[in-house]
Amino acid sequence: MTVTATPAGQRPASMQERRALHDSGYFHHHGVWAPGVRLFRHIRFRAKASLIMAVLVLPLLMTSAGLLHGMQEQVRVVELERRGVESMKVFVPVLQGLLETRNATRANLGGVAASGDYTQARESTDAALAAMARLLETDGDPLQLGPPLAKLTTAWKATASSRNGADESGRTVFGPVTEATVELLTRIGDASQLVLDTELDSFYVAQALLLALPRALEDVGQLWGWGAYVTAKGTATSTDLGRAYTWASRVDLGIDDARRAFGRAIQARASLEKSLDVAGLDEIAAWRKKVIEVFRAPTGDARARFDEGRSMLRVGF
């Protein structure tokens, strides 16, 4: 639209001319905001209110969406951790049964009358594996533990045909079982995110229960089974003694790691001190110092040695 200049002292002839002259001066002072101001002067109040509302509400909606996503993620992580704890509860009897079966085999090979213990341990392990399979079937297996559990079950069943857990050469047959057990334990820790918990107390408790203690109990089992073995034989080779030192040092390391982890968890949450009982770790450490002497001088009652070692393993569980 062309605006004709009006001589000085004369008013614009029409309302349109007066508005155009007023607008040109009015918008001139708004700089870069002039287009927006111009737009708002030409739209209705309801449209203005809608635009202002959108400008105010949109950031709020985006912030709320971010908070909702964060809350949903936190709920998801908590649910995974809960599933991990439930899985560990049913896995612990599996691990205990496997260790007792394998070390009853070792004691049998040395001459300890542990066939009944071997049979009982196998039955306990069968029941524990079945219980874990039922849990996965019931809860839908959100941690995807089915494949590693199936691998462990297959490896375990393959040992059933052996005579008291040994092959024709007198060697134990549980190598594949041990490998599958480690794989399943690792899967529980990783899939549940227990070993990555951002809460310090939960993180350190998980470090102790999923990493330090299982390793230590594995070597407690070795000292137990082989301790009964050399006692029954009445002699220990230099190889036996070397293995015992290795197992003993790893037991010490695992117990120390567990103690430190529990201590840090208690520092993060003092209320945990009442529920984290480390007296069992002290018992195992004292037994470890005593059992190493068995390998230096393997004398005494092999059956009593076997029973004592098994009780120490159970203290750990």
C-alpha atoms as a PDB file:
ATOM      1  CA  MET A   1       0.000   0.000   0.000  1.00  0.00           C
ATOM      2  CA  THR A   2       1.388   3.443  -0.941  1.00  0.00           C
ATOM      3  CA  VAL A   3       1.035   6.215   1.632  1.00  0.00           C
ATOM      4  CA  THR A   4       0.881   9.747   0.247  1.00  0.00           C
ATOM      5  CA  ALA A   5       2.686  12.361   2.275  1.00  0.00           C
ATOM      6  CA  THR A   6       0.360  14.879   3.926  1.00  0.00           C
ATOM      7  CA  PRO A   7       1.346  18.552   3.901  1.00  0.00           C
ATOM      8  CA  ALA A   8       2.277  20.070   7.221  1.00  0.00           C
ATOM      9  CA  GLY A   9      -0.662  21.284   9.201  1.00  0.00           C
ATOM     10  CA  GLN A  10      -3.067  18.955   7.430  1.00  0.00           C
ATOM     11  CA  ARG A  11      -4.498  15.767   8.940  1.00  0.00           C
ATOM     12  CA  PRO A  12      -4.673  12.635   6.789  1.00  0.00           C
ATOM     13  CA  ALA A  13      -7.860  12.523   4.837  1.00  0.00           C
ATOM     14  CA  SER A  14      -8.820   8.984   5.781  1.00  0.00           C
ATOM     15  CA  MET A  15      -8.617   6.639   8.794  1.00  0.00           C
ATOM     16  CA  GLN A  16      -6.532   4.194   6.719  1.00  0.00           C
ATOM     17  CA  GLU A  17      -3.919   6.837   5.996  1.00  0.00           C
ATOM     18  CA  ARG A  18      -3.770   7.905   9.635  1.00  0.00           C
ATOM     19  CA  ARG A  19      -3.301   4.257  10.786  1.00  0.00           C
ATOM     20  CA  ALA A  20      -0.574   3.608   8.192  1.00  0.00           C
ATOM     21  CA  LEU A  21       1.390   6.679   9.299  1.00  0.00           C
ATOM     22  CA  HIS A  22       0.988   5.759  12.949  1.00  0.00           C
ATOM     23  CA  ASP A  23       2.075   2.141  12.367  1.00  0.00           C
ATOM     24  CA  SER A  24       5.179   3.083  10.405  1.00  0.00           C
ATOM     25  CA  GLY A  25       6.456   5.144  13.298  1.00  0.00           C
ATOM     26  CA  TYR A  26       5.231   2.771  15.974  1.00  0.00           C
ATOM     27  CA  PHE A  27       6.933  -0.326  14.599  1.00  0.00           C
ATOM     28  CA  HIS A  28      10.124   1.535  13.792  1.00  0.00           C
ATOM     29  CA  HIS A  29      11.119   1.580  17.472  1.00  0.00           C
ATOM     30  CA  HIS A  30      10.680  -2.210  18.009  1.00  0.00           C
ATOM     31  CA  GLY A  31      13.642  -3.260  15.911  1.00  0.00           C
ATOM     32  CA  VAL A  32      13.859  -7.010  15.290  1.00  0.00           C
ATOM     33  CA  TRP A  33      10.669  -7.543  17.304  1.00  0.00           C
ATOM     34  CA  ALA A  34       8.648  -5.383  14.966  1.00  0.00           C
ATOM     35  CA  PRO A  35       7.253  -8.294  12.883  1.00  0.00           C
ATOM     36  CA  GLY A  36       5.974  -9.990  16.025  1.00  0.00           C
ATOM     37  CA  VAL A  37       4.459  -6.805  17.380  1.00  0.00           C
ATOM     38  CA  ARG A  38       2.886  -6.123  14.002  1.00  0.00           C
ATOM     39  CA  LEU A  39       1.435  -9.646  13.939  1.00  0.00           C
ATOM     40  CA  PHE A  40      -0.046  -9.310  17.415  1.00  0.00           C
ATOM     41  CA  ARG A  41      -1.719  -6.013  16.493  1.00  0.00           C
ATOM     42  CA  HIS A  42      -3.514  -7.731  13.636  1.00  0.00           C
ATOM     43  CA  ILE A  43      -4.824 -10.881  15.344  1.00  0.00           C
ATOM     44  CA  ARG A  44      -7.693 -11.353  17.739  1.00  0.00           C
ATOM     45  CA  PHE A  45      -7.321 -11.589  21.489  1.00  0.00           C
ATOM     46  CA  ARG A  46      -8.210 -15.298  21.586  1.00  0.00           C
ATOM     47  CA  ALA A  47      -5.453 -16.115  19.092  1.00  0.00           C
ATOM     48  CA  LYS A  48      -3.003 -14.020  21.117  1.00  0.00           C
ATOM     49  CA  ALA A  49      -3.937 -15.891  24.277  1.00  0.00           C
ATOM     50  CA  SER A  50      -3.480 -19.235  22.521  1.00  0.00           C
ATOM     51  CA  LEU A  51      -0.011 -18.272  21.287  1.00  0.00           C
ATOM     52  CA  ILE A  52       1.072 -17.034  24.708  1.00  0.00           C
ATOM     53  CA  MET A  53      -0.282 -20.189  26.325  1.00  0.00           C
ATOM     54  CA  ALA A  54       1.622 -22.355  23.835  1.00  0.00           C
ATOM     55  CA  VAL A  55       4.858 -20.487  24.545  1.00  0.00           C
ATOM     56  CA  LEU A  56       4.414 -21.008  28.284  1.00  0.00           C
ATOM     57  CA  VAL A  57       3.073 -24.556  28.233  1.00  0.00           C
ATOM     58  CA  LEU A  58       5.397 -26.131  25.640  1.00  0.00           C
ATOM     59  CA  PRO A  59       8.585 -25.890  27.777  1.00  0.00           C
ATOM     60  CA  LEU A  60       6.605 -27.173  30.749  1.00  0.00           C
ATOM     61  CA  LEU A  61       5.406 -30.148  28.729  1.00  0.00           C
ATOM     62  CA  MET A  62       8.932 -30.882  27.511  1.00  0.00           C
ATOM     63  CA  THR A  63      10.290 -30.699  31.055  1.00  0.00           C
ATOM     64  CA  SER A  64       7.502 -32.923  32.342  1.00  0.00           C
ATOM     65  CA  ALA A  65       8.152 -35.443  29.571  1.00  0.00           C
ATOM     66  CA  GLY A  66      11.830 -35.543  30.522  1.00  0.00           C
ATOM     67  CA  LEU A  67      10.988 -36.059  34.188  1.00  0.00           C
ATOM     68  CA  LEU A  68       8.484 -38.779  33.316  1.00  0.00           C
ATOM     69  CA  HIS A  69      11.061 -40.570  31.170  1.00  0.00           C
ATOM     70  CA  GLY A  70      13.584 -40.369  34.003  1.00  0.00           C
ATOM     71  CA  MET A  71      11.075 -41.765  36.481  1.00  0.00           C
ATOM     72  CA  GLN A  72      10.142 -44.582  34.104  1.00  0.00           C
ATOM     73  CA  GLU A  73      13.815 -45.443  33.638  1.00  0.00           C
ATOM     74  CA  GLN A  74      14.349 -45.468  37.393  1.00  0.00           C
ATOM     75  CA  VAL A  75      11.354 -47.764  37.862  1.00  0.00           C
ATOM     76  CA  ARG A  76      12.714 -50.041  35.130  1.00  0.00           C
ATOM     77  CA  VAL A  77      16.126 -50.267  36.796  1.00  0.00           C
ATOM     78  CA  VAL A  78      14.591 -50.947  40.205  1.00  0.00           C
ATOM     79  CA  GLU A  79      12.469 -53.706  38.692  1.00  0.00           C
ATOM     80  CA  LEU A  80      15.539 -55.277  37.047  1.00  0.00           C
ATOM     81  CA  GLU A  81      17.393 -55.172  40.354  1.00  0.00           C
ATOM     82  CA  ARG A  82      14.450 -56.773  42.137  1.00  0.00           C
ATOM     83  CA  ARG A  83      14.419 -59.553  39.559  1.00  0.00           C
ATOM     84  CA  GLY A  84      18.153 -59.959  40.022  1.00  0.00           C
ATOM     85  CA  VAL A  85      17.776 -60.373  43.774  1.00  0.00           C
ATOM     86  CA  GLU A  86      15.020 -62.954  43.269  1.00  0.00           C
ATOM     87  CA  SER A  87      17.196 -64.817  40.766  1.00  0.00           C
ATOM     88  CA  MET A  88      20.141 -64.836  43.162  1.00  0.00           C
ATOM     89  CA  LYS A  89      17.949 -66.288  45.904  1.00  0.00           C
ATOM     90  CA  VAL A  90      17.188 -69.338  43.762  1.00  0.00           C
ATOM     91  CA  PHE A  91      20.689 -69.485  42.266  1.00  0.00           C
ATOM     92  CA  VAL A  92      22.502 -69.723  45.610  1.00  0.00           C
ATOM     93  CA  PRO A  93      21.153 -73.250  46.342  1.00  0.00           C
ATOM     94  CA  VAL A  94      22.244 -74.257  42.836  1.00  0.00           C
ATOM     95  CA  LEU A  95      25.779 -73.021  43.463  1.00  0.00           C
ATOM     96  CA  GLN A  96      25.914 -74.667  46.876  1.00  0.00           C
ATOM     97  CA  GLY A  97      24.676 -77.980  45.496  1.00  0.00           C
ATOM     98  CA  LEU A  98      27.217 -77.933  42.687  1.00  0.00           C
ATOM     99  CA  LEU A  99      30.123 -77.231  45.039  1.00  0.00           C
ATOM    100  CA  GLU A 100      29.038 -79.924  47.479  1.00  0.00           C
ATOM    101  CA  THR A 101      28.610 -82.466  44.677  1.00  0.00           C
ATOM    102  CA  ARG A 102      31.987 -81.757  43.148  1.00  0.00           C
ATOM    103  CA  ASN A 103      33.885 -81.871  46.422  1.00  0.00           C
ATOM    104  CA  ALA A 104      32.112 -85.002  47.594  1.00  0.00           C
ATOM    105  CA  THR A 105      33.502 -86.488  44.386  1.00  0.00           C
ATOM    106  CA  ARG A 106      37.030 -85.365  45.282  1.00  0.00           C
ATOM    107  CA  ALA A 107      36.735 -86.808  48.787  1.00  0.00           C
ATOM    108  CA  ASN A 108      35.429 -90.088  47.351  1.00  0.00           C
ATOM    109  CA  LEU A 109      38.435 -90.305  45.056  1.00  0.00           C
ATOM    110  CA  GLY A 110      40.694 -90.007  48.086  1.00  0.00           C
ATOM    111  CA  GLY A 111      38.955 -92.798  49.929  1.00  0.00           C
ATOM    112  CA  VAL A 112      36.478 -90.937  52.142  1.00  0.00           C
ATOM    113  CA  ALA A 113      33.141 -92.750  52.371  1.00  0.00           C
ATOM    114  CA  ALA A 114      31.149 -89.896  50.832  1.00  0.00           C
ATOM    115  CA  SER A 115      28.952 -91.687  48.281  1.00  0.00           C
ATOM    116  CA  GLY A 116      25.840 -90.881  50.296  1.00  0.00           C
ATOM    117  CA  ASP A 117      26.891 -87.238  50.507  1.00  0.00           C
ATOM    118  CA  TYR A 118      27.426 -87.199  46.747  1.00  0.00           C
ATOM    119  CA  THR A 119      23.942 -88.597  46.101  1.00  0.00           C
ATOM    120  CA  GLN A 120      22.328 -86.149  48.502  1.00  0.00           C
ATOM    121  CA  ALA A 121      24.173 -83.213  46.941  1.00  0.00           C
ATOM    122  CA  ARG A 122      23.036 -84.252  43.460  1.00  0.00           C
ATOM    123  CA  GLU A 123      19.426 -84.443  44.613  1.00  0.00           C
ATOM    124  CA  SER A 124      19.675 -80.994  46.181  1.00  0.00           C
ATOM    125  CA  THR A 125      21.162 -79.594  42.986  1.00  0.00           C
ATOM    126  CA  ASP A 126      18.436 -81.164  40.842  1.00  0.00           C
ATOM    127  CA  ALA A 127      15.794 -79.578  43.064  1.00  0.00           C
ATOM    128  CA  ALA A 128      17.525 -76.180  42.994  1.00  0.00           C
ATOM    129  CA  LEU A 129      17.807 -76.187  39.194  1.00  0.00           C
ATOM    130  CA  ALA A 130      14.136 -77.122  38.891  1.00  0.00           C
ATOM    131  CA  ALA A 131      13.169 -74.306  41.275  1.00  0.00           C
ATOM    132  CA  MET A 132      15.110 -71.783  39.223  1.00  0.00           C
ATOM    133  CA  ALA A 133      13.502 -73.013  36.000  1.00  0.00           C
ATOM    134  CA  ARG A 134      10.056 -72.610  37.581  1.00  0.00           C
ATOM    135  CA  LEU A 135      10.863 -69.044  38.608  1.00  0.00           C
ATOM    136  CA  LEU A 136      11.884 -68.120  35.067  1.00  0.00           C
ATOM    137  CA  GLU A 137       8.738 -69.702  33.685  1.00  0.00           C
ATOM    138  CA  THR A 138       6.549 -67.857  36.191  1.00  0.00           C
ATOM    139  CA  ASP A 139       8.013 -64.354  35.845  1.00  0.00           C
ATOM    140  CA  GLY A 140       8.600 -64.469  32.090  1.00  0.00           C
ATOM    141  CA  ASP A 141      12.404 -64.438  32.370  1.00  0.00           C
ATOM    142  CA  PRO A 142      12.941 -60.670  31.984  1.00  0.00           C
ATOM    143  CA  LEU A 143      16.694 -61.067  32.543  1.00  0.00           C
ATOM    144  CA  GLN A 144      16.995 -63.661  29.765  1.00  0.00           C
ATOM    145  CA  LEU A 145      18.511 -66.257  32.069  1.00  0.00           C
ATOM    146  CA  GLY A 146      16.897 -69.139  30.189  1.00  0.00           C
ATOM    147  CA  PRO A 147      19.762 -69.836  27.733  1.00  0.00           C
ATOM    148  CA  PRO A 148      22.589 -69.921  30.338  1.00  0.00           C
ATOM    149  CA  LEU A 149      20.391 -71.941  32.714  1.00  0.00           C
ATOM    150  CA  ALA A 150      19.643 -74.426  29.931  1.00  0.00           C
ATOM    151  CA  LYS A 151      23.374 -74.706  29.219  1.00  0.00           C
ATOM    152  CA  LEU A 152      24.088 -75.365  32.896  1.00  0.00           C
ATOM    153  CA  THR A 153      21.275 -77.916  33.177  1.00  0.00           C
ATOM    154  CA  THR A 154      22.505 -79.776  30.096  1.00  0.00           C
ATOM    155  CA  ALA A 155      26.087 -79.854  31.382  1.00  0.00           C
ATOM    156  CA  TRP A 156      24.861 -81.001  34.779  1.00  0.00           C
ATOM    157  CA  LYS A 157      22.717 -83.830  33.408  1.00  0.00           C
ATOM    158  CA  ALA A 158      25.674 -85.041  31.349  1.00  0.00           C
ATOM    159  CA  THR A 159      27.528 -85.813  34.598  1.00  0.00           C
ATOM    160  CA  ALA A 160      24.751 -88.073  35.912  1.00  0.00           C
ATOM    161  CA  SER A 161      26.094 -91.135  34.120  1.00  0.00           C
ATOM    162  CA  SER A 162      29.511 -90.840  35.773  1.00  0.00           C
ATOM    163  CA  ARG A 163      30.378 -92.971  38.762  1.00  0.00           C
ATOM    164  CA  ASN A 164      30.280 -90.639  41.761  1.00  0.00           C
ATOM    165  CA  GLY A 165      31.288 -87.691  39.558  1.00  0.00           C
ATOM    166  CA  ALA A 166      34.481 -89.172  38.061  1.00  0.00           C
ATOM    167  CA  ASP A 167      35.348 -90.539  34.627  1.00  0.00           C
ATOM    168  CA  GLU A 168      37.182 -93.778  33.786  1.00  0.00           C
ATOM    169  CA  SER A 169      40.519 -92.110  34.502  1.00  0.00           C
ATOM    170  CA  GLY A 170      39.420 -91.032  37.967  1.00  0.00           C
ATOM    171  CA  ARG A 171      39.101 -87.360  37.072  1.00  0.00           C
ATOM    172  CA  THR A 172      36.113 -85.229  38.034  1.00  0.00           C
ATOM    173  CA  VAL A 173      33.672 -84.446  35.227  1.00  0.00           C
ATOM    174  CA  PHE A 174      32.447 -81.029  36.327  1.00  0.00           C
ATOM    175  CA  GLY A 175      34.560 -78.727  34.124  1.00  0.00           C
ATOM    176  CA  PRO A 176      31.695 -77.792  31.743  1.00  0.00           C
ATOM    177  CA  VAL A 177      29.375 -77.421  34.730  1.00  0.00           C
ATOM    178  CA  THR A 178      31.713 -74.914  36.384  1.00  0.00           C
ATOM    179  CA  GLU A 179      32.014 -72.939  33.145  1.00  0.00           C
ATOM    180  CA  ALA A 180      28.231 -72.785  32.705  1.00  0.00           C
ATOM    181  CA  THR A 181      27.781 -71.793  36.352  1.00  0.00           C
ATOM    182  CA  VAL A 182      30.104 -68.803  35.966  1.00  0.00           C
ATOM    183  CA  GLU A 183      28.268 -67.779  32.799  1.00  0.00           C
ATOM    184  CA  LEU A 184      24.886 -67.864  34.550  1.00  0.00           C
ATOM    185  CA  LEU A 185      26.146 -65.919  37.572  1.00  0.00           C
ATOM    186  CA  THR A 186      27.679 -63.284  35.298  1.00  0.00           C
ATOM    187  CA  ARG A 187      24.427 -62.991  33.371  1.00  0.00           C
ATOM    188  CA  ILE A 188      22.442 -62.405  36.571  1.00  0.00           C
ATOM    189  CA  GLY A 189      24.766 -59.601  37.656  1.00  0.00           C
ATOM    190  CA  ASP A 190      24.929 -57.901  34.257  1.00  0.00           C
ATOM    191  CA  ALA A 191      21.285 -58.216  33.188  1.00  0.00           C
ATOM    192  CA  SER A 192      19.932 -57.047  36.546  1.00  0.00           C
ATOM    193  CA  GLN A 193      22.448 -54.164  36.655  1.00  0.00           C
ATOM    194  CA  LEU A 194      23.129 -55.020  40.288  1.00  0.00           C
ATOM    195  CA  VAL A 195      26.878 -54.724  39.749  1.00  0.00           C
ATOM    196  CA  LEU A 196      26.331 -51.268  38.192  1.00  0.00           C
ATOM    197  CA  ASP A 197      23.961 -49.845  40.806  1.00  0.00           C
ATOM    198  CA  THR A 198      24.400 -46.085  41.216  1.00  0.00           C
ATOM    199  CA  GLU A 199      23.413 -46.291  44.900  1.00  0.00           C
ATOM    200  CA  LEU A 200      26.674 -46.844  46.775  1.00  0.00           C
ATOM    201  CA  ASP A 201      25.257 -49.160  49.424  1.00  0.00           C
ATOM    202  CA  SER A 202      23.610 -51.463  46.870  1.00  0.00           C
ATOM    203  CA  PHE A 203      26.658 -51.327  44.605  1.00  0.00           C
ATOM    204  CA  TYR A 204      29.066 -52.527  47.294  1.00  0.00           C
ATOM    205  CA  VAL A 205      26.709 -55.206  48.605  1.00  0.00           C
ATOM    206  CA  ALA A 206      26.337 -56.518  45.054  1.00  0.00           C
ATOM    207  CA  GLN A 207      30.116 -56.474  44.586  1.00  0.00           C
ATOM    208  CA  ALA A 208      30.477 -58.672  47.662  1.00  0.00           C
ATOM    209  CA  LEU A 209      27.617 -61.078  46.977  1.00  0.00           C
ATOM    210  CA  LEU A 210      28.016 -61.455  43.211  1.00  0.00           C
ATOM    211  CA  LEU A 211      31.776 -61.225  42.770  1.00  0.00           C
ATOM    212  CA  ALA A 212      33.934 -61.558  45.883  1.00  0.00           C
ATOM    213  CA  LEU A 213      32.103 -64.254  47.857  1.00  0.00           C
ATOM    214  CA  PRO A 214      31.343 -66.694  45.001  1.00  0.00           C
ATOM    215  CA  ARG A 215      35.035 -66.704  44.055  1.00  0.00           C
ATOM    216  CA  ALA A 216      36.066 -67.230  47.666  1.00  0.00           C
ATOM    217  CA  LEU A 217      33.554 -70.053  48.182  1.00  0.00           C
ATOM    218  CA  GLU A 218      34.798 -71.793  45.050  1.00  0.00           C
ATOM    219  CA  ASP A 219      38.248 -71.981  46.625  1.00  0.00           C
ATOM    220  CA  VAL A 220      36.852 -72.892  50.045  1.00  0.00           C
ATOM    221  CA  GLY A 221      35.329 -75.876  48.276  1.00  0.00           C
ATOM    222  CA  GLN A 222      38.677 -76.802  46.759  1.00  0.00           C
ATOM    223  CA  LEU A 223      40.401 -76.676  50.146  1.00  0.00           C
ATOM    224  CA  TRP A 224      37.584 -78.737  51.640  1.00  0.00           C
ATOM    225  CA  GLY A 225      37.528 -81.471  49.000  1.00  0.00           C
ATOM    226  CA  TRP A 226      41.273 -81.745  48.551  1.00  0.00           C
ATOM    227  CA  GLY A 227      41.887 -81.438  52.287  1.00  0.00           C
ATOM    228  CA  ALA A 228      39.723 -84.497  52.894  1.00  0.00           C
ATOM    229  CA  TYR A 229      41.395 -86.204  49.920  1.00  0.00           C
ATOM    230  CA  VAL A 230      44.992 -85.816  51.162  1.00  0.00           C
ATOM    231  CA  THR A 231      43.949 -86.690  54.718  1.00  0.00           C
ATOM    232  CA  ALA A 232      42.429 -89.950  53.496  1.00  0.00           C
ATOM    233  CA  LYS A 233      45.542 -90.630  51.411  1.00  0.00           C
ATOM    234  CA  GLY A 234      47.836 -89.744  54.290  1.00  0.00           C
ATOM    235  CA  THR A 235      50.140 -87.816  52.005  1.00  0.00           C
ATOM    236  CA  ALA A 236      50.237 -84.666  49.895  1.00  0.00           C
ATOM    237  CA  THR A 237      52.454 -84.028  46.895  1.00  0.00           C
ATOM    238  CA  SER A 238      54.271 -80.789  46.242  1.00  0.00           C
ATOM    239  CA  THR A 239      51.660 -80.132  43.555  1.00  0.00           C
ATOM    240  CA  ASP A 240      48.886 -80.589  46.109  1.00  0.00           C
ATOM    241  CA  LEU A 241      50.616 -78.172  48.473  1.00  0.00           C
ATOM    242  CA  GLY A 242      51.126 -75.610  45.704  1.00  0.00           C
ATOM    243  CA  ARG A 243      47.450 -75.773  44.784  1.00  0.00           C
ATOM    244  CA  ALA A 244      46.473 -75.382  48.427  1.00  0.00           C
ATOM    245  CA  TYR A 245      48.551 -72.222  48.780  1.00  0.00           C
ATOM    246  CA  THR A 246      46.908 -70.798  45.668  1.00  0.00           C
ATOM    247  CA  TRP A 247      43.403 -71.607  46.897  1.00  0.00           C
ATOM    248  CA  ALA A 248      44.171 -70.267  50.364  1.00  0.00           C
ATOM    249  CA  SER A 249      45.469 -66.959  49.018  1.00  0.00           C
ATOM    250  CA  ARG A 250      42.383 -66.572  46.847  1.00  0.00           C
ATOM    251  CA  VAL A 251      40.127 -67.293  49.816  1.00  0.00           C
ATOM    252  CA  ASP A 252      41.945 -64.574  51.763  1.00  0.00           C
ATOM    253  CA  LEU A 253      41.605 -62.166  48.852  1.00  0.00           C
ATOM    254  CA  GLY A 254      37.903 -62.886  48.401  1.00  0.00           C
ATOM    255  CA  ILE A 255      37.169 -62.473  52.105  1.00  0.00           C
ATOM    256  CA  ASP A 256      39.135 -59.213  52.250  1.00  0.00           C
ATOM    257  CA  ASP A 257      37.290 -57.890  49.185  1.00  0.00           C
ATOM    258  CA  ALA A 258      33.938 -58.843  50.710  1.00  0.00           C
ATOM    259  CA  ARG A 259      34.823 -57.186  54.017  1.00  0.00           C
ATOM    260  CA  ARG A 260      35.866 -53.967  52.291  1.00  0.00           C
ATOM    261  CA  ALA A 261      32.721 -53.949  50.165  1.00  0.00           C
ATOM    262  CA  PHE A 262      30.474 -54.508  53.172  1.00  0.00           C
ATOM    263  CA  GLY A 263      32.334 -51.805  55.089  1.00  0.00           C
ATOM    264  CA  ARG A 264      31.831 -49.270  52.303  1.00  0.00           C
ATOM    265  CA  ALA A 265      28.169 -50.221  52.052  1.00  0.00           C
ATOM    266  CA  ILE A 266      27.778 -49.551  55.781  1.00  0.00           C
ATOM    267  CA  GLN A 267      29.538 -46.198  55.394  1.00  0.00           C
ATOM    268  CA  ALA A 268      27.011 -45.294  52.715  1.00  0.00           C
ATOM    269  CA  ARG A 269      24.059 -46.521  54.805  1.00  0.00           C
ATOM    270  CA  ALA A 270      24.692 -47.078  58.501  1.00  0.00           C
ATOM    271  CA  SER A 271      21.480 -49.081  58.980  1.00  0.00           C
ATOM    272  CA  LEU A 272      23.020 -51.955  56.991  1.00  0.00           C
ATOM    273  CA  GLU A 273      25.387 -52.772  59.844  1.00  0.00           C
ATOM    274  CA  LYS A 274      22.670 -54.737  61.652  1.00  0.00           C
ATOM    275  CA  SER A 275      21.786 -56.869  58.619  1.00  0.00           C
ATOM    276  CA  LEU A 276      25.289 -57.525  57.228  1.00  0.00           C
ATOM    277  CA  ASP A 277      26.726 -60.252  59.442  1.00  0.00           C
ATOM    278  CA  VAL A 278      30.420 -60.771  58.681  1.00  0.00           C
ATOM    279  CA  ALA A 279      31.048 -63.211  61.537  1.00  0.00           C
ATOM    280  CA  GLY A 280      30.891 -66.065  59.033  1.00  0.00           C
ATOM    281  CA  LEU A 281      33.800 -64.544  57.133  1.00  0.00           C
ATOM    282  CA  ASP A 282      35.877 -64.637  60.311  1.00  0.00           C
ATOM    283  CA  GLU A 283      35.045 -68.321  60.792  1.00  0.00           C
ATOM    284  CA  ILE A 284      36.078 -69.172  57.245  1.00  0.00           C
ATOM    285  CA  ALA A 285      39.325 -67.192  57.577  1.00  0.00           C
ATOM    286  CA  ALA A 286      40.234 -69.050  60.777  1.00  0.00           C
ATOM    287  CA  TRP A 287      39.445 -72.410  59.167  1.00  0.00           C
ATOM    288  CA  ARG A 288      41.514 -71.496  56.113  1.00  0.00           C
ATOM    289  CA  LYS A 289      44.594 -70.983  58.296  1.00  0.00           C
ATOM    290  CA  LYS A 290      44.035 -74.340  59.941  1.00  0.00           C
ATOM    291  CA  VAL A 291      43.313 -76.361  56.816  1.00  0.00           C
ATOM    292  CA  ILE A 292      46.516 -75.288  55.080  1.00  0.00           C
ATOM    293  CA  GLU A 293      48.380 -77.210  57.776  1.00  0.00           C
ATOM    294  CA  VAL A 294      46.550 -80.352  56.634  1.00  0.00           C
ATOM    295  CA  PHE A 295      48.409 -80.199  53.336  1.00  0.00           C
ATOM    296  CA  ARG A 296      51.727 -79.856  55.156  1.00  0.00           C
ATOM    297  CA  ALA A 297      50.988 -82.810  57.452  1.00  0.00           C
ATOM    298  CA  PRO A 298      47.890 -84.741  56.248  1.00  0.00           C
ATOM    299  CA  THR A 299      46.970 -86.707  59.342  1.00  0.00           C
ATOM    300  CA  GLY A 300      43.778 -87.208  61.312  1.00  0.00           C
ATOM    301  CA  ASP A 301      40.248 -88.385  60.600  1.00  0.00           C
ATOM    302  CA  ALA A 302      39.402 -87.810  56.935  1.00  0.00           C
ATOM    303  CA  ARG A 303      35.671 -88.034  57.539  1.00  0.00           C
ATOM    304  CA  ALA A 304      35.835 -85.423  60.286  1.00  0.00           C
ATOM    305  CA  ARG A 305      37.891 -83.244  57.959  1.00  0.00           C
ATOM    306  CA  PHE A 306      35.226 -83.662  55.279  1.00  0.00           C
ATOM    307  CA  ASP A 307      32.373 -82.718  57.622  1.00  0.00           C
ATOM    308  CA  GLU A 308      34.244 -79.705  58.965  1.00  0.00           C
ATOM    309  CA  GLY A 309      35.003 -78.409  55.481  1.00  0.00           C
ATOM    310  CA  ARG A 310      31.401 -78.787  54.382  1.00  0.00           C
ATOM    311  CA  SER A 311      30.182 -76.871  57.429  1.00  0.00           C
ATOM    312  CA  MET A 312      32.571 -74.025  56.545  1.00  0.00           C
ATOM    313  CA  LEU A 313      31.252 -73.930  52.997  1.00  0.00           C
ATOM    314  CA  ARG A 314      27.699 -73.715  54.319  1.00  0.00           C
ATOM    315  CA  VAL A 315      28.685 -70.859  56.621  1.00  0.00           C
ATOM    316  CA  GLY A 316      29.498 -68.904  53.482  1.00  0.00           C
ATOM    317  CA  PHE A 317      26.041 -69.457  52.069  1.00  0.00           C
END
